Amino acid sequence: MPFWYQIPDYLLAIVMYTLLGRVLLGLIVPPESPNYIWRFFCRLTDPVVAVVALVTPKAAAPVVLWLFGFVWLFWLRVLLVVLLAGTLAPTS
């Protein structure tokens, strides 16, 4: 499987876009909603939000944490692709 590095990129993309979905859904759904989609989004993204909360001021609103998490995951994906593409690029 020559493109194995796409698996972590894909997993990061899933979490990244789920965070974006959480931001958009958070505009219309209350935080303690029993909606199963909202609960799934929260369950999947809470670990990322917890890490982002460690380095973000406590005064930041939850939606800011979610957006920061989205941006940080985006740049982590870019870094992953740049590093692995440079390392795994075929040489002639």
N, C-alpha and C. Protein backbone atom coordinates (compact mmCIF):
# COMPACT_ATOMS: atom_id res chain seq x y z
N MET A 1 0.86 -1.18 0.00
CA MET A 1 0.00 0.00 0.00
C MET A 1 0.90 1.24 0.00
N PRO A 2 1.16 1.79 -1.14
CA PRO A 2 2.13 2.89 -1.23
C PRO A 2 1.64 4.21 -0.65
N PHE A 3 0.37 4.39 -0.49
CA PHE A 3 -0.16 5.66 -0.02
C PHE A 3 -0.74 5.54 1.39
N TRP A 4 -0.04 4.83 2.26
CA TRP A 4 -0.52 4.62 3.63
C TRP A 4 -0.63 5.92 4.41
N TYR A 5 0.16 6.94 4.04
CA TYR A 5 0.13 8.21 4.76
C TYR A 5 -1.20 8.94 4.59
N GLN A 6 -2.02 8.51 3.64
CA GLN A 6 -3.33 9.14 3.46
C GLN A 6 -4.30 8.75 4.58
N ILE A 7 -4.03 7.66 5.27
CA ILE A 7 -4.92 7.22 6.35
C ILE A 7 -4.92 8.22 7.51
N PRO A 8 -3.75 8.64 8.06
CA PRO A 8 -3.82 9.65 9.12
C PRO A 8 -4.37 10.98 8.61
N ASP A 9 -4.09 11.33 7.37
CA ASP A 9 -4.63 12.56 6.81
C ASP A 9 -6.16 12.48 6.74
N TYR A 10 -6.67 11.35 6.34
CA TYR A 10 -8.12 11.15 6.26
C TYR A 10 -8.75 11.21 7.65
N LEU A 11 -8.13 10.60 8.64
CA LEU A 11 -8.66 10.63 10.00
C LEU A 11 -8.66 12.05 10.57
N LEU A 12 -7.60 12.80 10.30
CA LEU A 12 -7.57 14.20 10.73
C LEU A 12 -8.65 15.01 10.02
N ALA A 13 -8.88 14.72 8.75
CA ALA A 13 -9.93 15.43 8.00
C ALA A 13 -11.30 15.14 8.57
N ILE A 14 -11.53 13.91 8.98
CA ILE A 14 -12.83 13.56 9.58
C ILE A 14 -13.07 14.40 10.83
N VAL A 15 -12.07 14.47 11.70
CA VAL A 15 -12.23 15.24 12.94
C VAL A 15 -12.33 16.73 12.63
N MET A 16 -11.55 17.19 11.68
CA MET A 16 -11.55 18.61 11.33
C MET A 16 -12.92 19.05 10.82
N TYR A 17 -13.49 18.31 9.89
CA TYR A 17 -14.78 18.69 9.33
C TYR A 17 -15.93 18.43 10.31
N THR A 18 -15.75 17.48 11.21
CA THR A 18 -16.75 17.30 12.27
C THR A 18 -16.74 18.50 13.21
N LEU A 19 -15.56 19.06 13.49
CA LEU A 19 -15.49 20.29 14.28
C LEU A 19 -16.22 21.43 13.58
N LEU A 20 -16.05 21.55 12.28
CA LEU A 20 -16.74 22.58 11.54
C LEU A 20 -18.25 22.35 11.59
N GLY A 21 -18.66 21.10 11.47
CA GLY A 21 -20.07 20.78 11.61
C GLY A 21 -20.60 21.10 13.00
N ARG A 22 -19.78 20.89 14.01
CA ARG A 22 -20.18 21.23 15.38
C ARG A 22 -20.38 22.73 15.53
N VAL A 23 -19.52 23.53 14.88
CA VAL A 23 -19.67 24.99 14.92
C VAL A 23 -21.01 25.38 14.29
N LEU A 24 -21.27 24.86 13.11
CA LEU A 24 -22.49 25.23 12.40
C LEU A 24 -23.74 24.72 13.12
N LEU A 25 -23.69 23.50 13.60
CA LEU A 25 -24.84 22.95 14.32
C LEU A 25 -25.04 23.64 15.66
N GLY A 26 -23.94 24.10 16.26
CA GLY A 26 -24.02 24.81 17.53
C GLY A 26 -24.77 26.13 17.43
N LEU A 27 -24.93 26.65 16.23
CA LEU A 27 -25.68 27.88 16.04
C LEU A 27 -27.18 27.67 16.22
N ILE A 28 -27.66 26.44 16.01
CA ILE A 28 -29.11 26.20 16.08
C ILE A 28 -29.52 25.18 17.13
N VAL A 29 -28.56 24.48 17.71
CA VAL A 29 -28.86 23.45 18.69
C VAL A 29 -28.34 23.89 20.06
N PRO A 30 -29.14 23.75 21.12
CA PRO A 30 -28.64 24.10 22.45
C PRO A 30 -27.53 23.14 22.89
N PRO A 31 -26.63 23.59 23.78
CA PRO A 31 -25.48 22.76 24.17
C PRO A 31 -25.84 21.41 24.79
N GLU A 32 -26.93 21.31 25.48
CA GLU A 32 -27.32 20.05 26.12
C GLU A 32 -28.42 19.33 25.35
N SER A 33 -28.43 19.46 24.06
CA SER A 33 -29.47 18.87 23.23
C SER A 33 -29.35 17.34 23.20
N PRO A 34 -30.50 16.64 23.20
CA PRO A 34 -30.45 15.17 23.09
C PRO A 34 -30.33 14.69 21.64
N ASN A 35 -30.18 15.60 20.69
CA ASN A 35 -30.06 15.25 19.29
C ASN A 35 -28.87 14.31 19.10
N TYR A 36 -29.11 13.18 18.44
CA TYR A 36 -28.06 12.17 18.30
C TYR A 36 -26.91 12.65 17.43
N ILE A 37 -27.14 13.48 16.43
CA ILE A 37 -26.05 14.00 15.61
C ILE A 37 -25.17 14.93 16.44
N TRP A 38 -25.79 15.80 17.22
CA TRP A 38 -25.04 16.71 18.09
C TRP A 38 -24.21 15.93 19.09
N ARG A 39 -24.79 14.91 19.70
CA ARG A 39 -24.05 14.10 20.67
C ARG A 39 -22.87 13.40 20.01
N PHE A 40 -23.05 12.90 18.78
CA PHE A 40 -21.95 12.26 18.05
C PHE A 40 -20.83 13.26 17.76
N PHE A 41 -21.19 14.45 17.29
CA PHE A 41 -20.19 15.48 17.01
C PHE A 41 -19.41 15.82 18.27
N CYS A 42 -20.12 15.97 19.38
CA CYS A 42 -19.46 16.31 20.65
C CYS A 42 -18.54 15.19 21.10
N ARG A 43 -19.01 13.96 21.01
CA ARG A 43 -18.21 12.82 21.46
C ARG A 43 -16.95 12.67 20.62
N LEU A 44 -17.05 12.90 19.32
CA LEU A 44 -15.90 12.73 18.44
C LEU A 44 -14.89 13.87 18.59
N THR A 45 -15.36 15.08 18.85
CA THR A 45 -14.47 16.23 18.86
C THR A 45 -14.05 16.69 20.25
N ASP A 46 -14.64 16.17 21.30
CA ASP A 46 -14.28 16.61 22.65
C ASP A 46 -12.80 16.40 22.99
N PRO A 47 -12.15 15.31 22.57
CA PRO A 47 -10.71 15.20 22.86
C PRO A 47 -9.87 16.32 22.23
N VAL A 48 -10.20 16.71 21.00
CA VAL A 48 -9.48 17.79 20.35
C VAL A 48 -9.75 19.11 21.06
N VAL A 49 -11.00 19.34 21.43
CA VAL A 49 -11.37 20.57 22.12
C VAL A 49 -10.66 20.64 23.48
N ALA A 50 -10.49 19.51 24.15
CA ALA A 50 -9.80 19.49 25.45
C ALA A 50 -8.33 19.89 25.28
N VAL A 51 -7.69 19.43 24.22
CA VAL A 51 -6.29 19.80 23.98
C VAL A 51 -6.18 21.28 23.63
N VAL A 52 -7.09 21.77 22.81
CA VAL A 52 -7.07 23.19 22.44
C VAL A 52 -7.35 24.05 23.67
N ALA A 53 -8.20 23.60 24.56
CA ALA A 53 -8.54 24.36 25.76
C ALA A 53 -7.34 24.52 26.69
N LEU A 54 -6.39 23.61 26.63
CA LEU A 54 -5.21 23.71 27.48
C LEU A 54 -4.36 24.94 27.17
N VAL A 55 -4.35 25.37 25.92
CA VAL A 55 -3.50 26.48 25.52
C VAL A 55 -4.28 27.73 25.12
N THR A 56 -5.58 27.70 25.34
CA THR A 56 -6.44 28.83 25.01
C THR A 56 -6.91 29.49 26.30
N PRO A 57 -6.99 30.80 26.34
CA PRO A 57 -7.47 31.47 27.55
C PRO A 57 -8.86 30.97 27.97
N LYS A 58 -9.06 30.88 29.27
CA LYS A 58 -10.32 30.35 29.80
C LYS A 58 -11.52 31.24 29.46
N ALA A 59 -11.27 32.50 29.13
CA ALA A 59 -12.36 33.42 28.81
C ALA A 59 -12.93 33.19 27.41
N ALA A 60 -12.29 32.36 26.61
CA ALA A 60 -12.74 32.11 25.24
C ALA A 60 -14.04 31.32 25.24
N ALA A 61 -14.94 31.72 24.37
CA ALA A 61 -16.21 31.01 24.22
C ALA A 61 -15.96 29.62 23.60
N PRO A 62 -16.85 28.67 23.87
CA PRO A 62 -16.66 27.33 23.30
C PRO A 62 -16.54 27.33 21.77
N VAL A 63 -17.29 28.17 21.10
CA VAL A 63 -17.22 28.20 19.64
C VAL A 63 -15.83 28.63 19.17
N VAL A 64 -15.15 29.45 19.94
CA VAL A 64 -13.78 29.85 19.59
C VAL A 64 -12.84 28.65 19.70
N LEU A 65 -13.04 27.83 20.73
CA LEU A 65 -12.23 26.61 20.86
C LEU A 65 -12.44 25.69 19.66
N TRP A 66 -13.68 25.55 19.25
CA TRP A 66 -13.98 24.68 18.12
C TRP A 66 -13.33 25.20 16.84
N LEU A 67 -13.39 26.51 16.63
CA LEU A 67 -12.78 27.09 15.43
C LEU A 67 -11.25 27.00 15.48
N PHE A 68 -10.66 27.25 16.65
CA PHE A 68 -9.21 27.07 16.78
C PHE A 68 -8.82 25.62 16.51
N GLY A 69 -9.60 24.68 17.02
CA GLY A 69 -9.33 23.27 16.75
C GLY A 69 -9.37 22.96 15.27
N PHE A 70 -10.33 23.54 14.57
CA PHE A 70 -10.44 23.36 13.12
C PHE A 70 -9.18 23.87 12.42
N VAL A 71 -8.76 25.08 12.79
CA VAL A 71 -7.58 25.68 12.15
C VAL A 71 -6.32 24.89 12.48
N TRP A 72 -6.16 24.48 13.74
CA TRP A 72 -4.98 23.71 14.11
C TRP A 72 -4.93 22.37 13.41
N LEU A 73 -6.05 21.70 13.26
CA LEU A 73 -6.07 20.43 12.54
C LEU A 73 -5.76 20.63 11.06
N PHE A 74 -6.23 21.74 10.50
CA PHE A 74 -5.90 22.04 9.11
C PHE A 74 -4.39 22.14 8.93
N TRP A 75 -3.73 22.92 9.80
CA TRP A 75 -2.28 23.10 9.67
C TRP A 75 -1.52 21.81 10.00
N LEU A 76 -2.06 21.01 10.88
CA LEU A 76 -1.45 19.71 11.16
C LEU A 76 -1.52 18.81 9.93
N ARG A 77 -2.63 18.87 9.20
CA ARG A 77 -2.75 18.10 7.96
C ARG A 77 -1.76 18.60 6.91
N VAL A 78 -1.62 19.91 6.79
CA VAL A 78 -0.66 20.47 5.82
C VAL A 78 0.75 20.02 6.17
N LEU A 79 1.11 20.12 7.45
CA LEU A 79 2.43 19.69 7.89
C LEU A 79 2.65 18.21 7.62
N LEU A 80 1.66 17.39 7.89
CA LEU A 80 1.75 15.96 7.65
C LEU A 80 2.01 15.66 6.18
N VAL A 81 1.26 16.31 5.31
CA VAL A 81 1.42 16.07 3.88
C VAL A 81 2.79 16.54 3.39
N VAL A 82 3.22 17.71 3.85
CA VAL A 82 4.52 18.24 3.42
C VAL A 82 5.65 17.33 3.89
N LEU A 83 5.62 16.94 5.16
CA LEU A 83 6.69 16.08 5.68
C LEU A 83 6.69 14.72 5.03
N LEU A 84 5.55 14.10 4.93
CA LEU A 84 5.51 12.74 4.39
C LEU A 84 5.70 12.72 2.88
N ALA A 85 5.20 13.72 2.20
CA ALA A 85 5.42 13.75 0.75
C ALA A 85 6.89 13.96 0.44
N GLY A 86 7.55 14.79 1.24
CA GLY A 86 8.99 14.99 1.05
C GLY A 86 9.80 13.76 1.39
N THR A 87 9.35 13.04 2.39
CA THR A 87 10.06 11.83 2.82
C THR A 87 9.81 10.65 1.89
N LEU A 88 8.57 10.54 1.43
CA LEU A 88 8.19 9.36 0.64
C LEU A 88 8.21 9.61 -0.86
N ALA A 89 8.63 10.79 -1.29
CA ALA A 89 8.65 11.08 -2.72
C ALA A 89 9.63 10.16 -3.43
N PRO A 90 9.21 9.67 -4.58
CA PRO A 90 10.12 8.80 -5.33
C PRO A 90 11.31 9.59 -5.87
N THR A 91 12.44 8.97 -5.81
CA THR A 91 13.65 9.60 -6.35
C THR A 91 14.11 8.85 -7.59
N SER A 92 14.63 9.58 -8.54
CA SER A 92 15.08 8.90 -9.76
C SER A 92 16.58 8.88 -9.87
